[in-house]
C-alpha atoms as a PDB file:
ATOM      1  CA  MET A   1       0.000   0.000   0.000  1.00  0.00           C
ATOM      2  CA  VAL A   2       2.745   2.401   1.023  1.00  0.00           C
ATOM      3  CA  ILE A   3       4.838   1.480  -1.996  1.00  0.00           C
ATOM      4  CA  GLY A   4       1.922   2.143  -4.293  1.00  0.00           C
ATOM      5  CA  LYS A   5       1.370   5.561  -2.783  1.00  0.00           C
ATOM      6  CA  ILE A   6       5.001   6.478  -3.208  1.00  0.00           C
ATOM      7  CA  ALA A   7       4.895   5.390  -6.843  1.00  0.00           C
ATOM      8  CA  MET A   8       1.823   7.530  -7.431  1.00  0.00           C
ATOM      9  CA  ASN A   9       3.480  10.566  -5.864  1.00  0.00           C
ATOM     10  CA  LEU A  10       6.579  10.095  -8.009  1.00  0.00           C
ATOM     11  CA  ALA A  11       4.421   9.914 -11.128  1.00  0.00           C
ATOM     12  CA  LYS A  12       2.696  13.144 -10.191  1.00  0.00           C
ATOM     13  CA  LEU A  13       6.067  14.754  -9.517  1.00  0.00           C
ATOM     14  CA  ARG A  14       7.349  13.691 -12.940  1.00  0.00           C
ATOM     15  CA  GLU A  15       4.246  15.145 -14.546  1.00  0.00           C
ATOM     16  CA  LYS A  16       4.787  18.403 -12.734  1.00  0.00           C
ATOM     17  CA  LEU A  17       8.447  18.524 -13.738  1.00  0.00           C
ATOM     18  CA  SER A  18       7.581  17.828 -17.368  1.00  0.00           C
ATOM     19  CA  TYR A  19       4.953  20.526 -17.327  1.00  0.00           C
ATOM     20  CA  GLN A  20       7.354  23.029 -15.805  1.00  0.00           C
ATOM     21  CA  THR A  21      10.053  22.121 -18.302  1.00  0.00           C
ATOM     22  CA  LEU A  22       7.627  22.454 -21.180  1.00  0.00           C
ATOM     23  CA  LEU A  23       6.376  25.780 -19.865  1.00  0.00           C
ATOM     24  CA  LEU A  24       9.887  27.116 -19.346  1.00  0.00           C
ATOM     25  CA  GLY A  25      10.937  25.990 -22.813  1.00  0.00           C
ATOM     26  CA  SER A  26       7.897  27.641 -24.395  1.00  0.00           C
ATOM     27  CA  VAL A  27       8.526  30.933 -22.624  1.00  0.00           C
ATOM     28  CA  THR A  28      12.204  30.843 -23.593  1.00  0.00           C
ATOM     29  CA  LEU A  29      11.351  30.100 -27.207  1.00  0.00           C
ATOM     30  CA  LEU A  30       8.742  32.855 -27.329  1.00  0.00           C
ATOM     31  CA  THR A  31      11.121  35.377 -25.739  1.00  0.00           C
ATOM     32  CA  SER A  32      13.925  34.465 -28.143  1.00  0.00           C
ATOM     33  CA  GLY A  33      11.578  34.845 -31.080  1.00  0.00           C
ATOM     34  CA  MET A  34      10.410  38.277 -29.915  1.00  0.00           C
ATOM     35  CA  LEU A  35      14.001  39.448 -29.389  1.00  0.00           C
ATOM     36  CA  ALA A  36      15.012  38.216 -32.841  1.00  0.00           C
ATOM     37  CA  LEU A  37      12.030  39.984 -34.411  1.00  0.00           C
ATOM     38  CA  ALA A  38      12.751  43.215 -32.527  1.00  0.00           C
ATOM     39  CA  ASN A  39      16.399  43.073 -33.578  1.00  0.00           C
ATOM     40  CA  ARG A  40      15.405  42.574 -37.213  1.00  0.00           C
ATOM     41  CA  LEU A  41      12.880  45.413 -37.135  1.00  0.00           C
ATOM     42  CA  THR A  42      15.344  47.869 -35.546  1.00  0.00           C
ATOM     43  CA  GLN A  43      18.498  46.808 -37.408  1.00  0.00           C
ATOM     44  CA  GLU A  44      18.184  49.452 -40.112  1.00  0.00           C
ATOM     45  CA  ASP A  45      17.549  52.170 -37.540  1.00  0.00           C
ATOM     46  CA  ILE A  46      20.566  51.038 -35.508  1.00  0.00           C
ATOM     47  CA  GLN A  47      22.808  51.039 -38.586  1.00  0.00           C
ATOM     48  CA  ALA A  48      21.525  54.476 -39.575  1.00  0.00           C
ATOM     49  CA  ALA A  49      22.262  55.806 -36.079  1.00  0.00           C
ATOM     50  CA  GLU A  50      25.775  54.318 -36.177  1.00  0.00           C
ATOM     51  CA  MET A  51      26.461  55.892 -39.561  1.00  0.00           C
ATOM     52  CA  GLN A  52      25.216  59.232 -38.255  1.00  0.00           C
ATOM     53  CA  ASP A  53      27.611  58.965 -35.293  1.00  0.00           C
ATOM     54  CA  ILE A  54      30.509  58.183 -37.647  1.00  0.00           C
ATOM     55  CA  LYS A  55      29.612  61.165 -39.857  1.00  0.00           C
ATOM     56  CA  HIS A  56      29.504  63.430 -36.807  1.00  0.00           C
ATOM     57  CA  THR A  57      32.934  62.245 -35.633  1.00  0.00           C
ATOM     58  CA  LEU A  58      34.471  62.464 -39.111  1.00  0.00           C
ATOM     59  CA  VAL A  59      33.496  66.121 -39.311  1.00  0.00           C
ATOM     60  CA  GLN A  60      35.125  66.804 -35.934  1.00  0.00           C
ATOM     61  CA  VAL A  61      38.499  65.311 -36.851  1.00  0.00           C
ATOM     62  CA  LEU A  62      38.568  66.814 -40.353  1.00  0.00           C
ATOM     63  CA  PRO A  63      38.547  70.617 -39.967  1.00  0.00           C
ATOM     64  CA  ILE A  64      39.418  71.080 -43.660  1.00  0.00           C
ATOM     65  CA  GLN A  65      37.575  71.453 -46.950  1.00  0.00           C
ATOM     66  CA  TYR A  66      36.875  68.327 -48.989  1.00  0.00           C
ATOM     67  CA  ASP A  67      34.372  67.588 -51.731  1.00  0.00           C
ATOM     68  CA  ASN A  68      33.684  63.861 -51.633  1.00  0.00           C
ATOM     69  CA  ASN A  69      31.505  61.523 -49.578  1.00  0.00           C
ATOM     70  CA  LEU A  70      33.862  60.026 -46.998  1.00  0.00           C
ATOM     71  CA  LEU A  71      31.593  57.084 -46.309  1.00  0.00           C
ATOM     72  CA  GLN A  72      31.789  56.027 -49.956  1.00  0.00           C
ATOM     73  CA  ASP A  73      35.528  56.558 -50.388  1.00  0.00           C
ATOM     74  CA  THR A  74      37.258  54.047 -48.165  1.00  0.00           C
ATOM     75  CA  VAL A  75      40.137  51.597 -48.161  1.00  0.00           C
ATOM     76  CA  VAL A  76      40.185  48.502 -45.959  1.00  0.00           C
ATOM     77  CA  LEU A  77      43.575  47.397 -44.683  1.00  0.00           C
ATOM     78  CA  PRO A  78      44.909  45.095 -41.967  1.00  0.00           C
ATOM     79  CA  GLY A  79      44.988  47.292 -38.865  1.00  0.00           C
ATOM     80  CA  MET A  80      47.513  47.547 -36.072  1.00  0.00           C
ATOM     81  CA  ASP A  81      45.740  44.814 -34.096  1.00  0.00           C
ATOM     82  CA  GLY A  82      45.512  42.464 -37.078  1.00  0.00           C
ATOM     83  CA  ASN A  83      41.818  43.140 -37.694  1.00  0.00           C
ATOM     84  CA  LEU A  84      40.617  44.866 -40.845  1.00  0.00           C
ATOM     85  CA  LEU A  85      40.581  48.646 -40.544  1.00  0.00           C
ATOM     86  CA  THR A  86      38.468  51.038 -42.609  1.00  0.00           C
ATOM     87  CA  VAL A  87      40.316  54.179 -43.719  1.00  0.00           C
ATOM     88  CA  TYR A  88      38.118  57.102 -44.848  1.00  0.00           C
ATOM     89  CA  ARG A  89      39.633  59.358 -47.524  1.00  0.00           C
ATOM     90  CA  ALA A  90      38.969  63.105 -47.907  1.00  0.00           C
ATOM     91  CA  ARG A  91      39.556  64.514 -51.380  1.00  0.00           C
ATOM     92  CA  GLN A  92      39.838  67.866 -53.096  1.00  0.00           C
ATOM     93  CA  GLY A  93      39.136  66.911 -56.682  1.00  0.00           C
ATOM     94  CA  GLU A  94      41.017  63.684 -57.325  1.00  0.00           C
ATOM     95  CA  ARG A  95      43.699  64.384 -54.738  1.00  0.00           C
ATOM     96  CA  VAL A  96      43.451  62.722 -51.317  1.00  0.00           C
ATOM     97  CA  VAL A  97      44.181  65.467 -48.793  1.00  0.00           C
ATOM     98  CA  ALA A  98      43.558  63.576 -45.546  1.00  0.00           C
ATOM     99  CA  VAL A  99      42.474  60.253 -44.090  1.00  0.00           C
ATOM    100  CA  VAL A 100      40.553  59.202 -41.001  1.00  0.00           C
ATOM    101  CA  PHE A 101      40.738  55.907 -39.132  1.00  0.00           C
ATOM    102  CA  GLN A 102      40.307  54.358 -35.706  1.00  0.00           C
ATOM    103  CA  VAL A 103      43.056  53.548 -33.235  1.00  0.00           C
ATOM    104  CA  SER A 104      42.834  52.019 -29.778  1.00  0.00           C
ATOM    105  CA  LYS A 105      44.908  51.240 -26.713  1.00  0.00           C
ATOM    106  CA  VAL A 106      44.095  49.679 -23.378  1.00  0.00           C
ATOM    107  CA  GLY A 107      43.732  52.335 -20.691  1.00  0.00           C
ATOM    108  CA  TYR A 108      43.070  51.997 -16.958  1.00  0.00           C
ATOM    109  CA  ALA A 109      39.681  50.285 -17.237  1.00  0.00           C
ATOM    110  CA  GLY A 110      39.684  48.835 -20.740  1.00  0.00           C
ATOM    111  CA  PRO A 111      40.161  49.758 -24.391  1.00  0.00           C
ATOM    112  CA  VAL A 112      40.125  53.434 -25.320  1.00  0.00           C
ATOM    113  CA  VAL A 113      38.908  53.740 -28.911  1.00  0.00           C
ATOM    114  CA  LEU A 114      39.737  56.900 -30.847  1.00  0.00           C
ATOM    115  CA  MET A 115      39.073  58.345 -34.282  1.00  0.00           C
ATOM    116  CA  MET A 116      41.921  60.410 -35.731  1.00  0.00           C
ATOM    117  CA  GLY A 117      42.261  62.510 -38.843  1.00  0.00           C
ATOM    118  CA  VAL A 118      45.676  62.820 -40.500  1.00  0.00           C
ATOM    119  CA  ALA A 119      46.597  65.317 -43.210  1.00  0.00           C
ATOM    120  CA  ARG A 120      48.430  64.230 -46.333  1.00  0.00           C
ATOM    121  CA  THR A 121      51.504  65.886 -44.845  1.00  0.00           C
ATOM    122  CA  GLY A 122      51.402  63.562 -41.820  1.00  0.00           C
ATOM    123  CA  GLU A 123      50.053  66.065 -39.294  1.00  0.00           C
ATOM    124  CA  VAL A 124      47.234  65.234 -36.922  1.00  0.00           C
ATOM    125  CA  LEU A 125      44.104  67.188 -37.833  1.00  0.00           C
ATOM    126  CA  GLY A 126      42.009  66.010 -34.925  1.00  0.00           C
ATOM    127  CA  VAL A 127      41.450  63.216 -32.417  1.00  0.00           C
ATOM    128  CA  ARG A 128      38.210  62.285 -30.664  1.00  0.00           C
ATOM    129  CA  VAL A 129      37.317  59.555 -28.200  1.00  0.00           C
ATOM    130  CA  LEU A 130      34.725  57.114 -29.520  1.00  0.00           C
ATOM    131  CA  LYS A 131      34.520  54.733 -26.583  1.00  0.00           C
ATOM    132  CA  HIS A 132      36.123  54.170 -23.182  1.00  0.00           C
ATOM    133  CA  SER A 133      35.434  52.889 -19.663  1.00  0.00           C
ATOM    134  CA  GLU A 134      37.821  55.177 -17.764  1.00  0.00           C
ATOM    135  CA  THR A 135      37.103  56.522 -14.300  1.00  0.00           C
ATOM    136  CA  PRO A 136      34.540  59.368 -14.262  1.00  0.00           C
ATOM    137  CA  GLY A 137      36.092  62.582 -13.017  1.00  0.00           C
ATOM    138  CA  LEU A 138      39.656  61.365 -13.712  1.00  0.00           C
ATOM    139  CA  GLY A 139      40.278  59.376 -16.885  1.00  0.00           C
ATOM    140  CA  ASP A 140      37.247  60.708 -18.720  1.00  0.00           C
ATOM    141  CA  LYS A 141      39.031  64.055 -19.186  1.00  0.00           C
ATOM    142  CA  ILE A 142      40.146  62.604 -22.526  1.00  0.00           C
ATOM    143  CA  GLU A 143      36.652  63.523 -23.747  1.00  0.00           C
ATOM    144  CA  LEU A 144      36.404  66.951 -25.345  1.00  0.00           C
ATOM    145  CA  ALA A 145      33.154  67.517 -23.472  1.00  0.00           C
ATOM    146  CA  LYS A 146      35.091  67.283 -20.186  1.00  0.00           C
ATOM    147  CA  ASN A 147      38.475  68.816 -21.047  1.00  0.00           C
ATOM    148  CA  ASN A 148      40.372  70.367 -23.982  1.00  0.00           C
ATOM    149  CA  TRP A 149      43.318  68.014 -23.490  1.00  0.00           C
ATOM    150  CA  ILE A 150      42.502  65.944 -26.600  1.00  0.00           C
ATOM    151  CA  LEU A 151      43.085  69.079 -28.734  1.00  0.00           C
ATOM    152  CA  SER A 152      46.789  69.027 -27.762  1.00  0.00           C
ATOM    153  CA  PHE A 153      47.372  66.532 -30.596  1.00  0.00           C
ATOM    154  CA  ASN A 154      46.281  68.971 -33.306  1.00  0.00           C
ATOM    155  CA  GLY A 155      49.178  69.774 -35.635  1.00  0.00           C
ATOM    156  CA  LYS A 156      51.470  67.147 -34.125  1.00  0.00           C
ATOM    157  CA  SER A 157      53.399  64.676 -36.296  1.00  0.00           C
ATOM    158  CA  LEU A 158      56.096  62.049 -35.875  1.00  0.00           C
ATOM    159  CA  THR A 159      58.719  64.795 -36.104  1.00  0.00           C
ATOM    160  CA  ASN A 160      56.854  67.330 -33.954  1.00  0.00           C
ATOM    161  CA  PRO A 161      57.598  66.341 -31.275  1.00  0.00           C
ATOM    162  CA  VAL A 162      60.372  63.864 -31.949  1.00  0.00           C
ATOM    163  CA  ALA A 163      59.673  60.197 -31.218  1.00  0.00           C
ATOM    164  CA  ALA A 164      61.260  60.230 -27.738  1.00  0.00           C
ATOM    165  CA  GLN A 165      58.888  63.018 -26.626  1.00  0.00           C
ATOM    166  CA  TRP A 166      55.705  61.261 -27.673  1.00  0.00           C
ATOM    167  CA  GLN A 167      54.946  60.579 -24.011  1.00  0.00           C
ATOM    168  CA  VAL A 168      53.242  62.286 -21.095  1.00  0.00           C
ATOM    169  CA  LYS A 169      55.380  64.783 -19.170  1.00  0.00           C
ATOM    170  CA  LYS A 170      55.741  62.367 -16.249  1.00  0.00           C
ATOM    171  CA  ASP A 171      57.613  60.050 -18.633  1.00  0.00           C
ATOM    172  CA  GLY A 172      59.713  62.825 -20.185  1.00  0.00           C
ATOM    173  CA  GLY A 173      57.366  63.747 -23.012  1.00  0.00           C
ATOM    174  CA  VAL A 174      55.455  66.884 -23.974  1.00  0.00           C
ATOM    175  CA  PHE A 175      51.863  65.849 -23.272  1.00  0.00           C
ATOM    176  CA  ASP A 176      50.156  66.687 -19.981  1.00  0.00           C
ATOM    177  CA  GLN A 177      48.860  63.925 -17.737  1.00  0.00           C
ATOM    178  CA  PHE A 178      45.896  64.192 -15.383  1.00  0.00           C
ATOM    179  CA  THR A 179      46.335  64.306 -11.624  1.00  0.00           C
ATOM    180  CA  GLY A 180      45.562  60.819 -10.332  1.00  0.00           C
ATOM    181  CA  ALA A 181      45.061  59.368 -13.817  1.00  0.00           C
ATOM    182  CA  THR A 182      48.316  59.009 -15.730  1.00  0.00           C
ATOM    183  CA  ILE A 183      47.513  55.643 -17.305  1.00  0.00           C
ATOM    184  CA  THR A 184      44.661  56.951 -19.434  1.00  0.00           C
ATOM    185  CA  PRO A 185      46.453  59.880 -21.144  1.00  0.00           C
ATOM    186  CA  ARG A 186      49.523  57.683 -21.526  1.00  0.00           C
ATOM    187  CA  ALA A 187      47.416  55.141 -23.465  1.00  0.00           C
ATOM    188  CA  VAL A 188      45.929  57.851 -25.683  1.00  0.00           C
ATOM    189  CA  VAL A 189      49.361  59.321 -26.485  1.00  0.00           C
ATOM    190  CA  GLN A 190      50.642  55.879 -27.450  1.00  0.00           C
ATOM    191  CA  ALA A 191      47.546  55.169 -29.562  1.00  0.00           C
ATOM    192  CA  VAL A 192      47.874  58.427 -31.527  1.00  0.00           C
ATOM    193  CA  LYS A 193      51.599  57.885 -32.062  1.00  0.00           C
ATOM    194  CA  GLN A 194      50.936  54.364 -33.357  1.00  0.00           C
ATOM    195  CA  GLY A 195      48.248  55.813 -35.622  1.00  0.00           C
ATOM    196  CA  LEU A 196      50.807  58.162 -37.162  1.00  0.00           C
ATOM    197  CA  GLU A 197      53.216  55.268 -37.609  1.00  0.00           C
ATOM    198  CA  PHE A 198      50.428  53.305 -39.324  1.00  0.00           C
ATOM    199  CA  PHE A 199      49.780  56.295 -41.615  1.00  0.00           C
ATOM    200  CA  THR A 200      53.461  56.528 -42.522  1.00  0.00           C
ATOM    201  CA  ALA A 201      53.717  52.807 -43.228  1.00  0.00           C
ATOM    202  CA  HIS A 202      50.605  52.654 -45.423  1.00  0.00           C
ATOM    203  CA  GLN A 203      50.184  56.103 -46.954  1.00  0.00           C
ATOM    204  CA  ALA A 204      51.109  54.842 -50.424  1.00  0.00           C
ATOM    205  CA  GLU A 205      48.040  52.578 -50.254  1.00  0.00           C
ATOM    206  CA  PHE A 206      45.450  55.281 -49.568  1.00  0.00           C
ATOM    207  CA  LEU A 207      46.867  58.590 -50.812  1.00  0.00           C
END
């Protein structure tokens, strides 16, 4: 009698577990389907917003006249990290007068991603921060909205200053560091310098 009752209870328990599993699976499937649908419906809007952000940044790092559509005049090359890198070209007539591309370096809290514009002559036209996770109030002074420090790269090249001075002042260079946050500006200085070295190494491919 007791054994029969136990068997009955186990059967009921299995039924309950099956029901719960089925219910959980159905909810998961339905949720996944809704997320996939939402992603598909918003994909074009997301891409349009990303392109708008890129356009906005391109204008900021290219304070010169050009007469072509940068987004339609690009070259894709192996970047400094081995991944493919898109280089945007600014033209006056047929002549490429400047290029824009991304560079990055690991800062205090993660990668600091920058967009930099370089003139045909090898001078930095502008640098802006695209993404970072640096400490608010300290490392985030690399943003133009928080501090003008990022403008200190304007007009600089691999010969101005010389290679040994492409460092923050604490390391013997010419670029200011932030009180309590040397790692972040140090990473940005190194990233911009490497960007200029990339430009020098590949300029024959996009000029």
